[in-house]
Amino acid sequence: TIEQEVVQQSDGSMIIEGSANLRDLNKMFSWELDTEDARTFNGLILEHLEDIPDEGTVCEIDGLRITILEVSDMIKQAKVEKLAS
């Protein structure tokens, strides 16, 4: 479930599993991530970067700073911080 795929951190960031469903994330956080081309968080990041990133890669998508924490043949975990708008 989405609750198991998102771990809130004490600094306000969160660790999100790559397999997390984008629609569920949008619902949970009132985000508006694009679900047209990707169904999972991993898919969204790959779509954005157009490549499998190295661990430690940082990108921004829709006001979120995403730091890749763990990669195998897909993004397993990323840290997400909401940027001040």
N, C-alpha and C. Protein backbone atom coordinates (compact mmCIF):
# COMPACT_ATOMS: atom_id res chain seq x y z
N THR A 1 0.84 -1.20 0.00
CA THR A 1 0.00 0.00 0.00
C THR A 1 0.88 1.24 0.00
N ILE A 2 0.27 2.36 -0.37
CA ILE A 2 1.01 3.62 -0.46
C ILE A 2 1.61 4.01 0.88
N GLU A 3 0.93 3.70 1.97
CA GLU A 3 1.44 4.06 3.30
C GLU A 3 2.78 3.37 3.58
N GLN A 4 2.96 2.17 3.04
CA GLN A 4 4.21 1.44 3.26
C GLN A 4 5.32 1.94 2.34
N GLU A 5 4.94 2.66 1.29
CA GLU A 5 5.93 3.09 0.29
C GLU A 5 6.44 4.51 0.54
N VAL A 6 5.85 5.18 1.52
CA VAL A 6 6.25 6.56 1.84
C VAL A 6 6.63 6.62 3.30
N VAL A 7 7.86 7.07 3.59
CA VAL A 7 8.29 7.21 4.97
C VAL A 7 8.63 8.68 5.24
N GLN A 8 7.84 9.30 6.10
CA GLN A 8 8.03 10.70 6.45
C GLN A 8 9.29 10.82 7.30
N GLN A 9 10.13 11.80 6.99
CA GLN A 9 11.36 12.04 7.75
C GLN A 9 11.15 13.22 8.70
N SER A 10 11.96 13.28 9.75
CA SER A 10 11.77 14.34 10.76
C SER A 10 12.07 15.73 10.20
N ASP A 11 12.86 15.82 9.13
CA ASP A 11 13.17 17.14 8.56
C ASP A 11 12.12 17.62 7.56
N GLY A 12 11.01 16.87 7.45
CA GLY A 12 9.95 17.29 6.53
C GLY A 12 10.05 16.66 5.15
N SER A 13 11.19 16.03 4.86
CA SER A 13 11.32 15.32 3.59
C SER A 13 10.66 13.95 3.74
N MET A 14 10.62 13.19 2.65
CA MET A 14 10.11 11.84 2.75
C MET A 14 10.90 10.93 1.83
N ILE A 15 10.95 9.66 2.20
CA ILE A 15 11.59 8.65 1.37
C ILE A 15 10.45 7.90 0.67
N ILE A 16 10.50 7.89 -0.66
CA ILE A 16 9.43 7.26 -1.44
C ILE A 16 10.01 6.13 -2.27
N GLU A 17 9.34 4.99 -2.24
CA GLU A 17 9.74 3.83 -3.05
C GLU A 17 9.46 4.13 -4.52
N GLY A 18 10.34 3.65 -5.39
CA GLY A 18 10.14 3.84 -6.83
C GLY A 18 8.85 3.21 -7.34
N SER A 19 8.40 2.17 -6.65
CA SER A 19 7.20 1.44 -7.10
C SER A 19 5.90 2.13 -6.69
N ALA A 20 5.98 3.23 -5.93
CA ALA A 20 4.77 3.92 -5.47
C ALA A 20 3.95 4.42 -6.65
N ASN A 21 2.64 4.27 -6.56
CA ASN A 21 1.72 4.68 -7.61
C ASN A 21 1.55 6.20 -7.60
N LEU A 22 1.70 6.82 -8.78
CA LEU A 22 1.64 8.28 -8.87
C LEU A 22 0.27 8.83 -8.46
N ARG A 23 -0.80 8.16 -8.88
CA ARG A 23 -2.13 8.66 -8.51
C ARG A 23 -2.31 8.67 -7.00
N ASP A 24 -1.79 7.61 -6.34
CA ASP A 24 -1.88 7.54 -4.88
C ASP A 24 -1.07 8.66 -4.23
N LEU A 25 0.12 8.93 -4.78
CA LEU A 25 0.96 10.02 -4.25
C LEU A 25 0.25 11.36 -4.43
N ASN A 26 -0.34 11.57 -5.61
CA ASN A 26 -1.06 12.81 -5.87
C ASN A 26 -2.19 13.00 -4.87
N LYS A 27 -2.92 11.91 -4.61
CA LYS A 27 -4.03 11.98 -3.66
C LYS A 27 -3.54 12.27 -2.25
N MET A 28 -2.50 11.55 -1.86
CA MET A 28 -1.98 11.64 -0.50
C MET A 28 -1.46 13.05 -0.17
N PHE A 29 -0.78 13.68 -1.14
CA PHE A 29 -0.11 14.96 -0.88
C PHE A 29 -0.72 16.14 -1.63
N SER A 30 -1.83 15.92 -2.33
CA SER A 30 -2.43 16.96 -3.17
C SER A 30 -1.42 17.49 -4.19
N TRP A 31 -0.61 16.59 -4.74
CA TRP A 31 0.32 16.96 -5.80
C TRP A 31 -0.41 16.83 -7.13
N GLU A 32 0.25 17.32 -8.18
CA GLU A 32 -0.32 17.18 -9.52
C GLU A 32 0.74 16.61 -10.46
N LEU A 33 1.36 15.52 -10.03
CA LEU A 33 2.36 14.88 -10.88
C LEU A 33 1.68 14.29 -12.10
N ASP A 34 2.36 14.33 -13.22
CA ASP A 34 1.80 13.89 -14.50
C ASP A 34 1.68 12.37 -14.55
N THR A 35 0.45 11.88 -14.65
CA THR A 35 0.24 10.43 -14.68
C THR A 35 -0.03 9.92 -16.10
N GLU A 36 0.16 10.80 -17.09
CA GLU A 36 -0.16 10.41 -18.47
C GLU A 36 0.85 9.40 -19.02
N ASP A 37 2.15 9.66 -18.79
CA ASP A 37 3.18 8.80 -19.37
C ASP A 37 3.77 7.79 -18.40
N ALA A 38 3.49 7.97 -17.13
CA ALA A 38 4.08 7.07 -16.13
C ALA A 38 3.04 6.74 -15.07
N ARG A 39 3.13 5.52 -14.55
CA ARG A 39 2.19 5.11 -13.50
C ARG A 39 2.84 5.08 -12.12
N THR A 40 4.18 4.95 -12.12
CA THR A 40 4.88 4.85 -10.84
C THR A 40 5.86 6.01 -10.68
N PHE A 41 6.30 6.20 -9.45
CA PHE A 41 7.28 7.24 -9.15
C PHE A 41 8.57 7.01 -9.94
N ASN A 42 9.02 5.77 -9.97
CA ASN A 42 10.18 5.38 -10.77
C ASN A 42 10.00 5.80 -12.23
N GLY A 43 8.83 5.49 -12.79
CA GLY A 43 8.55 5.82 -14.19
C GLY A 43 8.59 7.32 -14.45
N LEU A 44 8.04 8.09 -13.52
CA LEU A 44 8.04 9.55 -13.65
C LEU A 44 9.46 10.09 -13.71
N ILE A 45 10.31 9.60 -12.81
CA ILE A 45 11.70 10.08 -12.76
C ILE A 45 12.45 9.67 -14.02
N LEU A 46 12.27 8.42 -14.47
CA LEU A 46 12.95 7.96 -15.69
C LEU A 46 12.49 8.76 -16.89
N GLU A 47 11.20 9.05 -16.95
CA GLU A 47 10.63 9.86 -18.04
C GLU A 47 11.30 11.24 -18.05
N HIS A 48 11.48 11.80 -16.88
CA HIS A 48 12.05 13.14 -16.74
C HIS A 48 13.54 13.15 -17.11
N LEU A 49 14.29 12.16 -16.63
CA LEU A 49 15.74 12.15 -16.84
C LEU A 49 16.14 11.47 -18.15
N GLU A 50 15.23 10.66 -18.70
CA GLU A 50 15.47 9.91 -19.93
C GLU A 50 16.63 8.94 -19.81
N ASP A 51 16.93 8.52 -18.59
CA ASP A 51 18.01 7.56 -18.37
C ASP A 51 17.90 7.05 -16.94
N ILE A 52 18.53 5.91 -16.66
CA ILE A 52 18.57 5.42 -15.28
C ILE A 52 19.67 6.22 -14.57
N PRO A 53 19.30 6.94 -13.51
CA PRO A 53 20.28 7.83 -12.86
C PRO A 53 21.20 7.07 -11.92
N ASP A 54 22.31 7.71 -11.59
CA ASP A 54 23.20 7.20 -10.54
C ASP A 54 22.61 7.58 -9.18
N GLU A 55 22.97 6.81 -8.17
CA GLU A 55 22.58 7.18 -6.81
C GLU A 55 23.21 8.53 -6.49
N GLY A 56 22.45 9.39 -5.84
CA GLY A 56 22.94 10.73 -5.52
C GLY A 56 22.52 11.78 -6.53
N THR A 57 21.98 11.35 -7.69
CA THR A 57 21.48 12.29 -8.68
C THR A 57 20.32 13.09 -8.08
N VAL A 58 20.30 14.39 -8.35
CA VAL A 58 19.22 15.25 -7.86
C VAL A 58 18.52 15.87 -9.06
N CYS A 59 17.19 15.85 -9.05
CA CYS A 59 16.45 16.52 -10.11
C CYS A 59 15.25 17.21 -9.48
N GLU A 60 14.63 18.11 -10.26
CA GLU A 60 13.42 18.77 -9.78
C GLU A 60 12.28 18.46 -10.73
N ILE A 61 11.16 18.04 -10.17
CA ILE A 61 9.96 17.78 -10.95
C ILE A 61 8.79 18.43 -10.23
N ASP A 62 8.11 19.34 -10.91
CA ASP A 62 6.90 19.96 -10.35
C ASP A 62 7.06 20.47 -8.92
N GLY A 63 8.15 21.20 -8.67
CA GLY A 63 8.32 21.79 -7.34
C GLY A 63 8.81 20.83 -6.26
N LEU A 64 9.22 19.64 -6.69
CA LEU A 64 9.77 18.67 -5.74
C LEU A 64 11.25 18.47 -6.06
N ARG A 65 12.10 18.52 -5.04
CA ARG A 65 13.50 18.16 -5.24
C ARG A 65 13.62 16.68 -4.91
N ILE A 66 14.10 15.91 -5.88
CA ILE A 66 14.16 14.46 -5.75
C ILE A 66 15.62 14.02 -5.79
N THR A 67 16.05 13.35 -4.73
CA THR A 67 17.42 12.84 -4.66
C THR A 67 17.35 11.32 -4.74
N ILE A 68 18.02 10.75 -5.72
CA ILE A 68 17.98 9.30 -5.92
C ILE A 68 18.84 8.63 -4.85
N LEU A 69 18.24 7.72 -4.08
CA LEU A 69 18.98 7.06 -3.00
C LEU A 69 19.45 5.66 -3.37
N GLU A 70 18.60 4.91 -4.07
CA GLU A 70 18.95 3.52 -4.34
C GLU A 70 18.46 3.12 -5.73
N VAL A 71 19.40 2.55 -6.51
CA VAL A 71 19.10 2.15 -7.89
C VAL A 71 19.58 0.73 -8.10
N SER A 72 18.74 -0.10 -8.73
CA SER A 72 19.26 -1.37 -9.23
C SER A 72 19.05 -1.28 -10.74
N ASP A 73 18.07 -1.97 -11.31
CA ASP A 73 17.76 -1.70 -12.72
C ASP A 73 16.59 -0.73 -12.82
N MET A 74 16.13 -0.26 -11.66
CA MET A 74 15.12 0.80 -11.60
C MET A 74 15.42 1.63 -10.36
N ILE A 75 14.72 2.73 -10.21
CA ILE A 75 14.90 3.54 -9.02
C ILE A 75 14.12 2.89 -7.89
N LYS A 76 14.82 2.46 -6.86
CA LYS A 76 14.16 1.77 -5.75
C LYS A 76 13.67 2.76 -4.69
N GLN A 77 14.47 3.78 -4.42
CA GLN A 77 14.09 4.75 -3.39
C GLN A 77 14.63 6.13 -3.74
N ALA A 78 13.84 7.14 -3.42
CA ALA A 78 14.29 8.52 -3.60
C ALA A 78 13.82 9.35 -2.41
N LYS A 79 14.62 10.36 -2.09
CA LYS A 79 14.24 11.31 -1.05
C LYS A 79 13.56 12.49 -1.75
N VAL A 80 12.44 12.93 -1.20
CA VAL A 80 11.68 14.00 -1.83
C VAL A 80 11.50 15.15 -0.86
N GLU A 81 11.82 16.35 -1.34
CA GLU A 81 11.61 17.56 -0.55
C GLU A 81 10.76 18.52 -1.37
N LYS A 82 9.77 19.10 -0.72
CA LYS A 82 8.93 20.10 -1.39
C LYS A 82 9.68 21.41 -1.38
N LEU A 83 9.85 22.02 -2.57
CA LEU A 83 10.54 23.30 -2.64
C LEU A 83 9.55 24.41 -2.32
N ALA A 84 10.03 25.45 -1.68
CA ALA A 84 9.16 26.59 -1.38
C ALA A 84 8.71 27.21 -2.70
N SER A 85 7.41 27.47 -2.83
CA SER A 85 6.94 28.02 -4.11
C SER A 85 7.00 29.53 -4.12
